[in-house]
Amino acid sequence: MHPSWQTNFAAKSYSDEAIAKLKESKDLLDLGLMEEADYEKVKAELAPVIMGQ
């Protein structure tokens, strides 16, 4: 496997996991099972991962 391919795959995997976690958190928020402040905290933590920063 080419090293840059491995890096891109790992980054994509982390991004996919972060997106899934954010969507799950949004669902919980929409269902009234999570507070807005908690959702915003999760979103702030995951956004850099999703955006590749």
Protein backbone atom coordinates (compact mmCIF):
# COMPACT_ATOMS: atom_id res chain seq x y z
CA MET A 1 0.00 0.00 0.00
CA HIS A 2 1.26 3.46 -0.83
CA PRO A 3 1.87 5.57 2.33
CA SER A 4 -0.14 8.57 1.10
CA TRP A 5 -3.03 6.26 0.26
CA GLN A 6 -2.94 4.90 3.81
CA THR A 7 -2.95 8.43 5.22
CA ASN A 8 -5.88 9.44 3.02
CA PHE A 9 -7.78 6.28 3.94
CA ALA A 10 -7.21 6.87 7.67
CA ALA A 11 -8.28 10.49 7.38
CA LYS A 12 -11.39 9.48 5.44
CA SER A 13 -12.22 6.84 8.03
CA TYR A 14 -11.95 9.34 10.90
CA SER A 15 -14.03 11.82 8.94
CA ASP A 16 -16.72 9.21 8.25
CA GLU A 17 -16.82 8.26 11.93
CA ALA A 18 -17.08 11.93 12.95
CA ILE A 19 -19.94 12.52 10.48
CA ALA A 20 -21.79 9.47 11.81
CA LYS A 21 -21.33 10.66 15.41
CA LEU A 22 -22.53 14.17 14.51
CA LYS A 23 -25.61 12.79 12.74
CA GLU A 24 -26.35 10.58 15.74
CA SER A 25 -26.04 13.58 18.05
CA LYS A 26 -28.36 15.63 15.81
CA ASP A 27 -30.93 12.84 15.92
CA LEU A 28 -30.74 12.82 19.72
CA LEU A 29 -31.15 16.60 19.75
CA ASP A 30 -34.18 16.40 17.45
CA LEU A 31 -35.74 13.74 19.67
CA GLY A 32 -35.26 15.91 22.73
CA LEU A 33 -32.76 13.48 24.22
CA MET A 34 -29.82 15.88 24.07
CA GLU A 35 -29.51 19.51 25.10
CA GLU A 36 -28.61 22.13 22.48
CA ALA A 37 -25.46 23.07 24.43
CA ASP A 38 -24.27 19.46 24.43
CA TYR A 39 -24.92 19.16 20.70
CA GLU A 40 -22.96 22.35 20.01
CA LYS A 41 -20.06 20.98 22.08
CA VAL A 42 -20.01 17.73 20.06
CA LYS A 43 -20.29 19.71 16.82
CA ALA A 44 -17.37 21.97 17.77
CA GLU A 45 -15.21 18.93 18.58
CA LEU A 46 -16.06 17.04 15.39
CA ALA A 47 -16.09 19.88 12.85
CA PRO A 48 -12.28 20.07 12.53
CA VAL A 49 -12.11 16.29 11.98
CA ILE A 50 -14.82 16.45 9.32
CA MET A 51 -13.21 19.44 7.62
CA GLY A 52 -9.80 17.77 7.65
CA GLN A 53 -8.13 20.31 9.91
